[in-house]
Amino acid sequence: GLVQPGGSLRLSCAASGSLFRIYTMGWYRQAPGKQRE
C-alpha cells in the first residue's frame, strides 16, 4: 500500500503445496528501472 516516510507495513505471503516448512522463503523487490533485488 501507500505509507508515509517513517511508517510501517506488514507484508504476508501465503503458499500452497506441501512441506512448506522445509523450504527457504524470501522477499525480493523491484523498483522502476532497476533490477530485482
PDB file of all heavy atoms in Angstrom:
ATOM      1  N   GLY A   1       0.819  -1.206   0.000  1.00  0.00           N
ATOM      2  CA  GLY A   1       0.000   0.000   0.000  1.00  0.00           C
ATOM      3  C   GLY A   1       0.847   1.248   0.000  1.00  0.00           C
ATOM      4  O   GLY A   1       2.060   1.194  -0.237  1.00  0.00           O
ATOM      5  N   LEU A   2       0.172   2.359   0.283  1.00  0.00           N
ATOM      6  CA  LEU A   2       0.823   3.661   0.344  1.00  0.00           C
ATOM      7  C   LEU A   2       1.038   4.033   1.804  1.00  0.00           C
ATOM      8  O   LEU A   2       0.098   3.958   2.613  1.00  0.00           O
ATOM      9  CB  LEU A   2      -0.053   4.707  -0.343  1.00  0.00           C
ATOM     10  CG  LEU A   2       0.384   6.167  -0.218  1.00  0.00           C
ATOM     11  CD1 LEU A   2       1.725   6.383  -0.912  1.00  0.00           C
ATOM     12  CD2 LEU A   2      -0.690   7.082  -0.803  1.00  0.00           C
ATOM     13  N   VAL A   3       2.249   4.437   2.141  1.00  0.00           N
ATOM     14  CA  VAL A   3       2.572   4.798   3.522  1.00  0.00           C
ATOM     15  C   VAL A   3       3.517   5.991   3.505  1.00  0.00           C
ATOM     16  O   VAL A   3       4.294   6.168   2.550  1.00  0.00           O
ATOM     17  CB  VAL A   3       3.197   3.595   4.265  1.00  0.00           C
ATOM     18  CG1 VAL A   3       4.528   3.194   3.640  1.00  0.00           C
ATOM     19  CG2 VAL A   3       3.343   3.867   5.747  1.00  0.00           C
ATOM     20  N   GLN A   4       3.446   6.811   4.533  1.00  0.00           N
ATOM     21  CA  GLN A   4       4.332   7.969   4.644  1.00  0.00           C
ATOM     22  C   GLN A   4       5.721   7.536   5.118  1.00  0.00           C
ATOM     23  O   GLN A   4       5.858   6.504   5.784  1.00  0.00           O
ATOM     24  CB  GLN A   4       3.751   8.987   5.612  1.00  0.00           C
ATOM     25  CG  GLN A   4       2.479   9.649   5.111  1.00  0.00           C
ATOM     26  CD  GLN A   4       2.015  10.758   6.030  1.00  0.00           C
ATOM     27  OE1 GLN A   4       2.411  10.842   7.181  1.00  0.00           O
ATOM     28  NE2 GLN A   4       1.153  11.635   5.507  1.00  0.00           N
ATOM     29  N   PRO A   5       6.735   8.314   4.804  1.00  0.00           N
ATOM     30  CA  PRO A   5       8.075   8.009   5.331  1.00  0.00           C
ATOM     31  C   PRO A   5       8.051   7.891   6.844  1.00  0.00           C
ATOM     32  O   PRO A   5       7.378   8.669   7.536  1.00  0.00           O
ATOM     33  CB  PRO A   5       8.896   9.226   4.884  1.00  0.00           C
ATOM     34  CG  PRO A   5       8.214   9.687   3.644  1.00  0.00           C
ATOM     35  CD  PRO A   5       6.750   9.469   3.890  1.00  0.00           C
ATOM     36  N   GLY A   6       8.757   6.868   7.343  1.00  0.00           N
ATOM     37  CA  GLY A   6       8.749   6.584   8.774  1.00  0.00           C
ATOM     38  C   GLY A   6       7.663   5.635   9.208  1.00  0.00           C
ATOM     39  O   GLY A   6       7.663   5.170  10.353  1.00  0.00           O
ATOM     40  N   GLY A   7       6.745   5.323   8.320  1.00  0.00           N
ATOM     41  CA  GLY A   7       5.642   4.432   8.653  1.00  0.00           C
ATOM     42  C   GLY A   7       6.024   2.965   8.543  1.00  0.00           C
ATOM     43  O   GLY A   7       7.170   2.610   8.264  1.00  0.00           O
ATOM     44  N   SER A   8       5.014   2.117   8.764  1.00  0.00           N
ATOM     45  CA  SER A   8       5.229   0.663   8.775  1.00  0.00           C
ATOM     46  C   SER A   8       4.204  -0.048   7.909  1.00  0.00           C
ATOM     47  O   SER A   8       3.077   0.432   7.750  1.00  0.00           O
ATOM     48  CB  SER A   8       5.135   0.127  10.204  1.00  0.00           C
ATOM     49  OG  SER A   8       6.134   0.675  11.031  1.00  0.00           O
ATOM     50  N   LEU A   9       4.600  -1.175   7.398  1.00  0.00           N
ATOM     51  CA  LEU A   9       3.708  -2.089   6.688  1.00  0.00           C
ATOM     52  C   LEU A   9       4.135  -3.505   7.013  1.00  0.00           C
ATOM     53  O   LEU A   9       5.311  -3.760   7.287  1.00  0.00           O
ATOM     54  CB  LEU A   9       3.772  -1.892   5.168  1.00  0.00           C
ATOM     55  CG  LEU A   9       3.059  -0.700   4.536  1.00  0.00           C
ATOM     56  CD1 LEU A   9       3.367  -0.642   3.053  1.00  0.00           C
ATOM     57  CD2 LEU A   9       1.562  -0.777   4.762  1.00  0.00           C
ATOM     58  N   ARG A  10       3.183  -4.425   6.930  1.00  0.00           N
ATOM     59  CA  ARG A  10       3.480  -5.839   7.099  1.00  0.00           C
ATOM     60  C   ARG A  10       2.990  -6.590   5.880  1.00  0.00           C
ATOM     61  O   ARG A  10       1.790  -6.613   5.596  1.00  0.00           O
ATOM     62  CB  ARG A  10       2.806  -6.394   8.343  1.00  0.00           C
ATOM     63  CG  ARG A  10       3.230  -7.823   8.696  1.00  0.00           C
ATOM     64  CD  ARG A  10       2.274  -8.430   9.692  1.00  0.00           C
ATOM     65  NE  ARG A  10       2.817  -9.614  10.343  1.00  0.00           N
ATOM     66  CZ  ARG A  10       2.073 -10.544  10.926  1.00  0.00           C
ATOM     67  NH1 ARG A  10       0.748 -10.406  10.957  1.00  0.00           N
ATOM     68  NH2 ARG A  10       2.630 -11.584  11.504  1.00  0.00           N
ATOM     69  N   LEU A  11       3.911  -7.193   5.155  1.00  0.00           N
ATOM     70  CA  LEU A  11       3.563  -7.997   4.003  1.00  0.00           C
ATOM     71  C   LEU A  11       3.387  -9.455   4.422  1.00  0.00           C
ATOM     72  O   LEU A  11       4.095  -9.940   5.306  1.00  0.00           O
ATOM     73  CB  LEU A  11       4.651  -7.915   2.934  1.00  0.00           C
ATOM     74  CG  LEU A  11       5.037  -6.518   2.447  1.00  0.00           C
ATOM     75  CD1 LEU A  11       6.062  -6.635   1.326  1.00  0.00           C
ATOM     76  CD2 LEU A  11       3.824  -5.745   1.998  1.00  0.00           C
ATOM     77  N   SER A  12       2.451 -10.127   3.776  1.00  0.00           N
ATOM     78  CA  SER A  12       2.220 -11.547   4.005  1.00  0.00           C
ATOM     79  C   SER A  12       2.299 -12.286   2.679  1.00  0.00           C
ATOM     80  O   SER A  12       1.964 -11.734   1.630  1.00  0.00           O
ATOM     81  CB  SER A  12       0.849 -11.785   4.631  1.00  0.00           C
ATOM     82  OG  SER A  12       0.723 -11.139   5.877  1.00  0.00           O
ATOM     83  N   CYS A  13       2.732 -13.535   2.739  1.00  0.00           N
ATOM     84  CA  CYS A  13       2.776 -14.382   1.552  1.00  0.00           C
ATOM     85  C   CYS A  13       2.287 -15.771   1.960  1.00  0.00           C
ATOM     86  O   CYS A  13       2.949 -16.462   2.738  1.00  0.00           O
ATOM     87  CB  CYS A  13       4.180 -14.461   0.993  1.00  0.00           C
ATOM     88  SG  CYS A  13       4.387 -15.687  -0.317  1.00  0.00           S
ATOM     89  N   ALA A  14       1.135 -16.150   1.421  1.00  0.00           N
ATOM     90  CA  ALA A  14       0.559 -17.465   1.704  1.00  0.00           C
ATOM     91  C   ALA A  14       0.929 -18.428   0.580  1.00  0.00           C
ATOM     92  O   ALA A  14       0.732 -18.115  -0.597  1.00  0.00           O
ATOM     93  CB  ALA A  14      -0.947 -17.356   1.834  1.00  0.00           C
ATOM     94  N   ALA A  15       1.454 -19.581   0.957  1.00  0.00           N
ATOM     95  CA  ALA A  15       1.917 -20.562  -0.022  1.00  0.00           C
ATOM     96  C   ALA A  15       1.033 -21.795  -0.041  1.00  0.00           C
ATOM     97  O   ALA A  15       0.615 -22.281   1.018  1.00  0.00           O
ATOM     98  CB  ALA A  15       3.348 -20.974   0.297  1.00  0.00           C
ATOM     99  N   SER A  16       0.762 -22.291  -1.243  1.00  0.00           N
ATOM    100  CA  SER A  16       0.069 -23.571  -1.367  1.00  0.00           C
ATOM    101  C   SER A  16       1.124 -24.672  -1.412  1.00  0.00           C
ATOM    102  O   SER A  16       2.319 -24.410  -1.431  1.00  0.00           O
ATOM    103  CB  SER A  16      -0.786 -23.591  -2.629  1.00  0.00           C
ATOM    104  OG  SER A  16       0.046 -23.532  -3.777  1.00  0.00           O
ATOM    105  N   GLY A  17       0.673 -25.905  -1.456  1.00  0.00           N
ATOM    106  CA  GLY A  17       1.607 -27.015  -1.560  1.00  0.00           C
ATOM    107  C   GLY A  17       2.032 -27.546  -0.205  1.00  0.00           C
ATOM    108  O   GLY A  17       1.757 -26.945   0.830  1.00  0.00           O
ATOM    109  N   SER A  18       2.708 -28.655  -0.262  1.00  0.00           N
ATOM    110  CA  SER A  18       3.106 -29.340   0.965  1.00  0.00           C
ATOM    111  C   SER A  18       4.555 -29.027   1.339  1.00  0.00           C
ATOM    112  O   SER A  18       5.287 -28.439   0.551  1.00  0.00           O
ATOM    113  CB  SER A  18       2.925 -30.846   0.796  1.00  0.00           C
ATOM    114  OG  SER A  18       3.725 -31.301  -0.293  1.00  0.00           O
ATOM    115  N   LEU A  19       4.915 -29.417   2.534  1.00  0.00           N
ATOM    116  CA  LEU A  19       6.299 -29.313   3.012  1.00  0.00           C
ATOM    117  C   LEU A  19       6.821 -27.887   3.019  1.00  0.00           C
ATOM    118  O   LEU A  19       8.021 -27.652   2.835  1.00  0.00           O
ATOM    119  CB  LEU A  19       7.225 -30.211   2.179  1.00  0.00           C
ATOM    120  CG  LEU A  19       6.887 -31.697   2.191  1.00  0.00           C
ATOM    121  CD1 LEU A  19       7.829 -32.470   1.277  1.00  0.00           C
ATOM    122  CD2 LEU A  19       6.952 -32.255   3.611  1.00  0.00           C
ATOM    123  N   PHE A  20       5.933 -26.927   3.268  1.00  0.00           N
ATOM    124  CA  PHE A  20       6.341 -25.515   3.304  1.00  0.00           C
ATOM    125  C   PHE A  20       7.528 -25.343   4.240  1.00  0.00           C
ATOM    126  O   PHE A  20       8.452 -24.579   3.951  1.00  0.00           O
ATOM    127  CB  PHE A  20       5.146 -24.675   3.770  1.00  0.00           C
ATOM    128  CG  PHE A  20       5.479 -23.238   4.053  1.00  0.00           C
ATOM    129  CD1 PHE A  20       5.497 -22.302   3.017  1.00  0.00           C
ATOM    130  CD2 PHE A  20       5.742 -22.794   5.346  1.00  0.00           C
ATOM    131  CE1 PHE A  20       5.782 -20.968   3.265  1.00  0.00           C
ATOM    132  CE2 PHE A  20       6.026 -21.466   5.607  1.00  0.00           C
ATOM    133  CZ  PHE A  20       6.043 -20.546   4.563  1.00  0.00           C
ATOM    134  N   ARG A  21       7.495 -26.063   5.347  1.00  0.00           N
ATOM    135  CA  ARG A  21       8.457 -25.833   6.413  1.00  0.00           C
ATOM    136  C   ARG A  21       9.909 -26.122   5.998  1.00  0.00           C
ATOM    137  O   ARG A  21      10.836 -25.631   6.633  1.00  0.00           O
ATOM    138  CB  ARG A  21       8.114 -26.692   7.633  1.00  0.00           C
ATOM    139  CG  ARG A  21       8.306 -28.192   7.407  1.00  0.00           C
ATOM    140  CD  ARG A  21       7.814 -29.008   8.570  1.00  0.00           C
ATOM    141  NE  ARG A  21       8.080 -30.443   8.382  1.00  0.00           N
ATOM    142  CZ  ARG A  21       7.355 -31.234   7.622  1.00  0.00           C
ATOM    143  NH1 ARG A  21       6.313 -30.753   6.975  1.00  0.00           N
ATOM    144  NH2 ARG A  21       7.658 -32.515   7.506  1.00  0.00           N
ATOM    145  N   ILE A  22      10.124 -26.893   4.947  1.00  0.00           N
ATOM    146  CA  ILE A  22      11.493 -27.278   4.608  1.00  0.00           C
ATOM    147  C   ILE A  22      12.156 -26.343   3.612  1.00  0.00           C
ATOM    148  O   ILE A  22      13.363 -26.474   3.338  1.00  0.00           O
ATOM    149  CB  ILE A  22      11.569 -28.730   4.077  1.00  0.00           C
ATOM    150  CG1 ILE A  22      10.978 -28.825   2.661  1.00  0.00           C
ATOM    151  CG2 ILE A  22      10.892 -29.692   5.032  1.00  0.00           C
ATOM    152  CD1 ILE A  22      11.207 -30.190   2.022  1.00  0.00           C
ATOM    153  N   TYR A  23      11.380 -25.404   3.067  1.00  0.00           N
ATOM    154  CA  TYR A  23      11.906 -24.557   2.000  1.00  0.00           C
ATOM    155  C   TYR A  23      12.320 -23.180   2.494  1.00  0.00           C
ATOM    156  O   TYR A  23      11.680 -22.601   3.374  1.00  0.00           O
ATOM    157  CB  TYR A  23      10.885 -24.398   0.881  1.00  0.00           C
ATOM    158  CG  TYR A  23      10.520 -25.711   0.230  1.00  0.00           C
ATOM    159  CD1 TYR A  23       9.232 -26.208   0.309  1.00  0.00           C
ATOM    160  CD2 TYR A  23      11.483 -26.465  -0.430  1.00  0.00           C
ATOM    161  CE1 TYR A  23       8.900 -27.414  -0.267  1.00  0.00           C
ATOM    162  CE2 TYR A  23      11.159 -27.681  -1.006  1.00  0.00           C
ATOM    163  CZ  TYR A  23       9.867 -28.159  -0.917  1.00  0.00           C
ATOM    164  OH  TYR A  23       9.547 -29.363  -1.483  1.00  0.00           O
ATOM    165  N   THR A  24      13.394 -22.677   1.897  1.00  0.00           N
ATOM    166  CA  THR A  24      13.782 -21.294   2.125  1.00  0.00           C
ATOM    167  C   THR A  24      12.802 -20.371   1.425  1.00  0.00           C
ATOM    168  O   THR A  24      12.466 -20.574   0.259  1.00  0.00           O
ATOM    169  CB  THR A  24      15.203 -21.045   1.591  1.00  0.00           C
ATOM    170  OG1 THR A  24      16.141 -21.801   2.362  1.00  0.00           O
ATOM    171  CG2 THR A  24      15.570 -19.571   1.681  1.00  0.00           C
ATOM    172  N   MET A  25      12.346 -19.383   2.180  1.00  0.00           N
ATOM    173  CA  MET A  25      11.428 -18.371   1.648  1.00  0.00           C
ATOM    174  C   MET A  25      12.141 -17.032   1.618  1.00  0.00           C
ATOM    175  O   MET A  25      13.003 -16.748   2.465  1.00  0.00           O
ATOM    176  CB  MET A  25      10.176 -18.273   2.519  1.00  0.00           C
ATOM    177  CG  MET A  25       9.371 -19.560   2.619  1.00  0.00           C
ATOM    178  SD  MET A  25       8.694 -20.105   1.046  1.00  0.00           S
ATOM    179  CE  MET A  25       7.598 -18.735   0.640  1.00  0.00           C
ATOM    180  N   GLY A  26      11.759 -16.219   0.647  1.00  0.00           N
ATOM    181  CA  GLY A  26      12.417 -14.923   0.548  1.00  0.00           C
ATOM    182  C   GLY A  26      11.494 -13.836   0.048  1.00  0.00           C
ATOM    183  O   GLY A  26      10.420 -14.108  -0.488  1.00  0.00           O
ATOM    184  N   TRP A  27      11.910 -12.614   0.305  1.00  0.00           N
ATOM    185  CA  TRP A  27      11.258 -11.426  -0.248  1.00  0.00           C
ATOM    186  C   TRP A  27      12.269 -10.706  -1.131  1.00  0.00           C
ATOM    187  O   TRP A  27      13.420 -10.500  -0.724  1.00  0.00           O
ATOM    188  CB  TRP A  27      10.772 -10.491   0.857  1.00  0.00           C
ATOM    189  CG  TRP A  27       9.585 -10.989   1.601  1.00  0.00           C
ATOM    190  CD1 TRP A  27       9.565 -11.654   2.787  1.00  0.00           C
ATOM    191  CD2 TRP A  27       8.210 -10.851   1.198  1.00  0.00           C
ATOM    192  NE1 TRP A  27       8.278 -11.946   3.153  1.00  0.00           N
ATOM    193  CE2 TRP A  27       7.422 -11.463   2.191  1.00  0.00           C
ATOM    194  CE3 TRP A  27       7.574 -10.280   0.097  1.00  0.00           C
ATOM    195  CZ2 TRP A  27       6.034 -11.516   2.128  1.00  0.00           C
ATOM    196  CZ3 TRP A  27       6.195 -10.328   0.032  1.00  0.00           C
ATOM    197  CH2 TRP A  27       5.435 -10.940   1.037  1.00  0.00           C
ATOM    198  N   TYR A  28      11.808 -10.344  -2.323  1.00  0.00           N
ATOM    199  CA  TYR A  28      12.594  -9.565  -3.265  1.00  0.00           C
ATOM    200  C   TYR A  28      11.800  -8.311  -3.608  1.00  0.00           C
ATOM    201  O   TYR A  28      10.593  -8.250  -3.356  1.00  0.00           O
ATOM    202  CB  TYR A  28      12.854 -10.368  -4.544  1.00  0.00           C
ATOM    203  CG  TYR A  28      13.804 -11.521  -4.384  1.00  0.00           C
ATOM    204  CD1 TYR A  28      13.441 -12.668  -3.675  1.00  0.00           C
ATOM    205  CD2 TYR A  28      15.078 -11.482  -4.949  1.00  0.00           C
ATOM    206  CE1 TYR A  28      14.315 -13.733  -3.525  1.00  0.00           C
ATOM    207  CE2 TYR A  28      15.959 -12.542  -4.818  1.00  0.00           C
ATOM    208  CZ  TYR A  28      15.572 -13.657  -4.112  1.00  0.00           C
ATOM    209  OH  TYR A  28      16.446 -14.722  -3.976  1.00  0.00           O
ATOM    210  N   ARG A  29      12.468  -7.331  -4.191  1.00  0.00           N
ATOM    211  CA  ARG A  29      11.762  -6.137  -4.633  1.00  0.00           C
ATOM    212  C   ARG A  29      12.354  -5.617  -5.936  1.00  0.00           C
ATOM    213  O   ARG A  29      13.526  -5.852  -6.218  1.00  0.00           O
ATOM    214  CB  ARG A  29      11.778  -5.059  -3.561  1.00  0.00           C
ATOM    215  CG  ARG A  29      13.155  -4.476  -3.271  1.00  0.00           C
ATOM    216  CD  ARG A  29      13.072  -3.528  -2.081  1.00  0.00           C
ATOM    217  NE  ARG A  29      14.388  -2.957  -1.743  1.00  0.00           N
ATOM    218  CZ  ARG A  29      14.612  -2.205  -0.681  1.00  0.00           C
ATOM    219  NH1 ARG A  29      13.623  -1.921   0.171  1.00  0.00           N
ATOM    220  NH2 ARG A  29      15.819  -1.728  -0.458  1.00  0.00           N
ATOM    221  N   GLN A  30      11.510  -4.930  -6.683  1.00  0.00           N
ATOM    222  CA  GLN A  30      11.948  -4.343  -7.933  1.00  0.00           C
ATOM    223  C   GLN A  30      11.359  -2.944  -8.062  1.00  0.00           C
ATOM    224  O   GLN A  30      10.136  -2.786  -8.124  1.00  0.00           O
ATOM    225  CB  GLN A  30      11.540  -5.201  -9.129  1.00  0.00           C
ATOM    226  CG  GLN A  30      12.123  -4.731 -10.442  1.00  0.00           C
ATOM    227  CD  GLN A  30      11.981  -5.757 -11.541  1.00  0.00           C
ATOM    228  OE1 GLN A  30      11.176  -6.678 -11.466  1.00  0.00           O
ATOM    229  NE2 GLN A  30      12.789  -5.618 -12.588  1.00  0.00           N
ATOM    230  N   ALA A  31      12.244  -1.973  -8.086  1.00  0.00           N
ATOM    231  CA  ALA A  31      11.833  -0.583  -8.265  1.00  0.00           C
ATOM    232  C   ALA A  31      11.833  -0.263  -9.757  1.00  0.00           C
ATOM    233  O   ALA A  31      12.517  -0.929 -10.544  1.00  0.00           O
ATOM    234  CB  ALA A  31      12.795   0.341  -7.523  1.00  0.00           C
ATOM    235  N   PRO A  32      11.092   0.757 -10.162  1.00  0.00           N
ATOM    236  CA  PRO A  32      11.036   1.117 -11.591  1.00  0.00           C
ATOM    237  C   PRO A  32      12.431   1.381 -12.146  1.00  0.00           C
ATOM    238  O   PRO A  32      13.220   2.116 -11.560  1.00  0.00           O
ATOM    239  CB  PRO A  32      10.193   2.386 -11.589  1.00  0.00           C
ATOM    240  CG  PRO A  32       9.336   2.267 -10.383  1.00  0.00           C
ATOM    241  CD  PRO A  32      10.184   1.585  -9.353  1.00  0.00           C
ATOM    242  N   GLY A  33      12.732   0.738 -13.277  1.00  0.00           N
ATOM    243  CA  GLY A  33      14.004   0.952 -13.938  1.00  0.00           C
ATOM    244  C   GLY A  33      15.187   0.252 -13.303  1.00  0.00           C
ATOM    245  O   GLY A  33      16.329   0.453 -13.728  1.00  0.00           O
ATOM    246  N   LYS A  34      14.920  -0.572 -12.296  1.00  0.00           N
ATOM    247  CA  LYS A  34      16.009  -1.270 -11.601  1.00  0.00           C
ATOM    248  C   LYS A  34      15.808  -2.771 -11.662  1.00  0.00           C
ATOM    249  O   LYS A  34      14.707  -3.259 -11.926  1.00  0.00           O
ATOM    250  CB  LYS A  34      16.098  -0.812 -10.146  1.00  0.00           C
ATOM    251  CG  LYS A  34      16.476   0.647  -9.978  1.00  0.00           C
ATOM    252  CD  LYS A  34      16.717   0.974  -8.520  1.00  0.00           C
ATOM    253  CE  LYS A  34      17.188   2.426  -8.360  1.00  0.00           C
ATOM    254  NZ  LYS A  34      17.452   2.751  -6.926  1.00  0.00           N
ATOM    255  N   GLN A  35      16.881  -3.491 -11.400  1.00  0.00           N
ATOM    256  CA  GLN A  35      16.788  -4.945 -11.358  1.00  0.00           C
ATOM    257  C   GLN A  35      16.146  -5.401 -10.053  1.00  0.00           C
ATOM    258  O   GLN A  35      16.196  -4.703  -9.036  1.00  0.00           O
ATOM    259  CB  GLN A  35      18.189  -5.555 -11.490  1.00  0.00           C
ATOM    260  CG  GLN A  35      18.796  -5.401 -12.870  1.00  0.00           C
ATOM    261  CD  GLN A  35      20.084  -6.188 -13.030  1.00  0.00           C
ATOM    262  OE1 GLN A  35      20.797  -6.437 -12.066  1.00  0.00           O
ATOM    263  NE2 GLN A  35      20.387  -6.589 -14.247  1.00  0.00           N
ATOM    264  N   ARG A  36      15.574  -6.577 -10.110  1.00  0.00           N
ATOM    265  CA  ARG A  36      15.010  -7.168  -8.898  1.00  0.00           C
ATOM    266  C   ARG A  36      16.155  -7.483  -7.935  1.00  0.00           C
ATOM    267  O   ARG A  36      17.187  -8.012  -8.341  1.00  0.00           O
ATOM    268  CB  ARG A  36      14.242  -8.440  -9.234  1.00  0.00           C
ATOM    269  CG  ARG A  36      13.438  -9.017  -8.081  1.00  0.00           C
ATOM    270  CD  ARG A  36      12.577 -10.183  -8.527  1.00  0.00           C
ATOM    271  NE  ARG A  36      11.590  -9.783  -9.530  1.00  0.00           N
ATOM    272  CZ  ARG A  36      10.611 -10.578  -9.964  1.00  0.00           C
ATOM    273  NH1 ARG A  36      10.494 -11.808  -9.483  1.00  0.00           N
ATOM    274  NH2 ARG A  36       9.757 -10.152 -10.875  1.00  0.00           N
ATOM    275  N   GLU A  37      15.949  -7.153  -6.651  1.00  0.00           N
ATOM    276  CA  GLU A  37      16.985  -7.396  -5.660  1.00  0.00           C
ATOM    277  C   GLU A  37      16.431  -8.168  -4.472  1.00  0.00           C
ATOM    278  O   GLU A  37      15.266  -8.054  -4.117  1.00  0.00           O
ATOM    279  CB  GLU A  37      17.601  -6.077  -5.168  1.00  0.00           C
ATOM    280  CG  GLU A  37      16.679  -5.204  -4.349  1.00  0.00           C
ATOM    281  CD  GLU A  37      17.376  -4.060  -3.630  1.00  0.00           C
ATOM    282  OE1 GLU A  37      18.625  -4.023  -3.610  1.00  0.00           O
ATOM    283  OE2 GLU A  37      16.664  -3.207  -3.061  1.00  0.00           O
TER     284      GLU A  37
END
